[in-house]
Protein backbone atom coordinates (compact mmCIF):
# COMPACT_ATOMS: atom_id res chain seq x y z
CA MET A 1 23.69 37.47 -10.66
CA THR A 2 20.29 38.77 -11.70
CA MET A 3 18.99 35.21 -12.01
CA LEU A 4 19.69 34.58 -8.34
CA THR A 5 18.15 37.75 -6.93
CA HIS A 6 14.49 38.17 -6.09
CA THR A 7 13.06 41.00 -8.15
CA GLY A 8 9.60 41.15 -6.54
CA GLY A 9 8.58 43.14 -3.49
CA SER A 10 9.50 42.01 -0.02
CA PHE A 11 6.12 40.31 0.53
CA LYS A 12 5.62 38.80 -2.92
CA PRO A 13 6.72 35.21 -3.38
CA ALA A 14 9.42 34.56 -5.91
CA ARG A 15 8.36 33.19 -9.27
CA ARG A 16 8.98 29.51 -9.72
CA SER A 17 10.88 28.45 -12.78
CA LEU A 18 9.66 24.85 -12.36
CA GLY A 19 6.11 25.67 -13.42
CA GLY A 20 4.05 22.48 -13.59
CA GLN A 21 6.87 20.13 -12.67
CA ASP A 22 6.71 18.00 -9.55
CA PRO A 23 9.97 18.56 -7.66
CA ALA A 24 8.99 16.45 -4.66
CA GLY A 25 8.12 13.40 -6.77
CA ARG A 26 4.61 13.05 -5.43
CA VAL A 27 3.44 11.10 -8.47
CA ALA A 28 6.21 8.51 -8.01
CA ALA A 29 5.52 8.31 -4.28
CA ASN A 30 1.81 7.70 -4.88
CA ALA A 31 2.61 4.98 -7.42
CA HIS A 32 4.98 3.33 -4.95
CA LEU A 33 2.34 3.46 -2.21
CA ALA A 34 -0.25 1.92 -4.55
CA MET A 35 2.17 -0.91 -5.38
CA ILE A 36 2.73 -1.60 -1.67
CA LYS A 37 -1.02 -1.61 -1.01
CA ARG A 38 -1.61 -4.02 -3.91
CA PHE A 39 1.09 -6.35 -2.55
CA CYS A 40 -0.41 -6.28 0.96
CA ILE A 41 -3.92 -6.97 -0.34
CA GLY A 42 -2.58 -9.93 -2.32
CA GLY A 43 -0.82 -11.24 0.77
CA LEU A 44 -3.95 -10.91 2.86
CA THR A 45 -5.92 -12.76 0.20
CA VAL A 46 -3.47 -15.66 0.28
CA LEU A 47 -3.54 -15.75 4.10
CA ALA A 48 -7.34 -15.71 4.13
CA ALA A 49 -7.49 -18.58 1.62
CA GLY A 50 -5.00 -20.57 3.70
CA GLY A 51 -6.96 -19.91 6.88
CA THR A 52 -10.18 -21.02 5.22
CA LEU A 53 -8.53 -24.21 4.00
CA ALA A 54 -7.13 -24.93 7.48
CA ALA A 55 -10.55 -24.33 9.04
CA ILE A 56 -12.21 -26.76 6.60
CA ILE A 57 -9.59 -29.43 7.33
CA ALA A 58 -9.98 -28.92 11.10
CA LEU A 59 -13.77 -29.13 10.82
CA LYS A 60 -13.55 -32.36 8.83
CA ALA A 61 -11.10 -33.84 11.32
CA ALA A 62 -13.34 -32.89 14.27
CA LEU A 63 -16.35 -34.41 12.51
CA PHE A 64 -14.41 -37.59 11.78
CA VAL A 65 -13.33 -37.93 15.43
CA TRP A 66 -16.87 -37.22 16.68
CA VAL A 67 -18.57 -39.75 14.35
CA PHE A 68 -15.96 -42.51 14.32
CA HIS A 69 -14.77 -42.54 17.88
CA TYR A 70 -13.12 -45.87 18.68
CA TYR A 71 -12.54 -46.77 22.29
């Protein structure tokens, strides 16, 4: 029972037996967040490249219609 009782004064915090461990898993959470950010940045890069390609095709089509307009 002595392991479960708090031996310090009433205003002193109890000693932690975990020491330098990370009980909340902050390191794993930060790694997961970094992986999500990397995935989103990759997705945005692909969308930007697709948008650029679509804009070039639209510009070429508009130029073709403007130059070679057949009535």
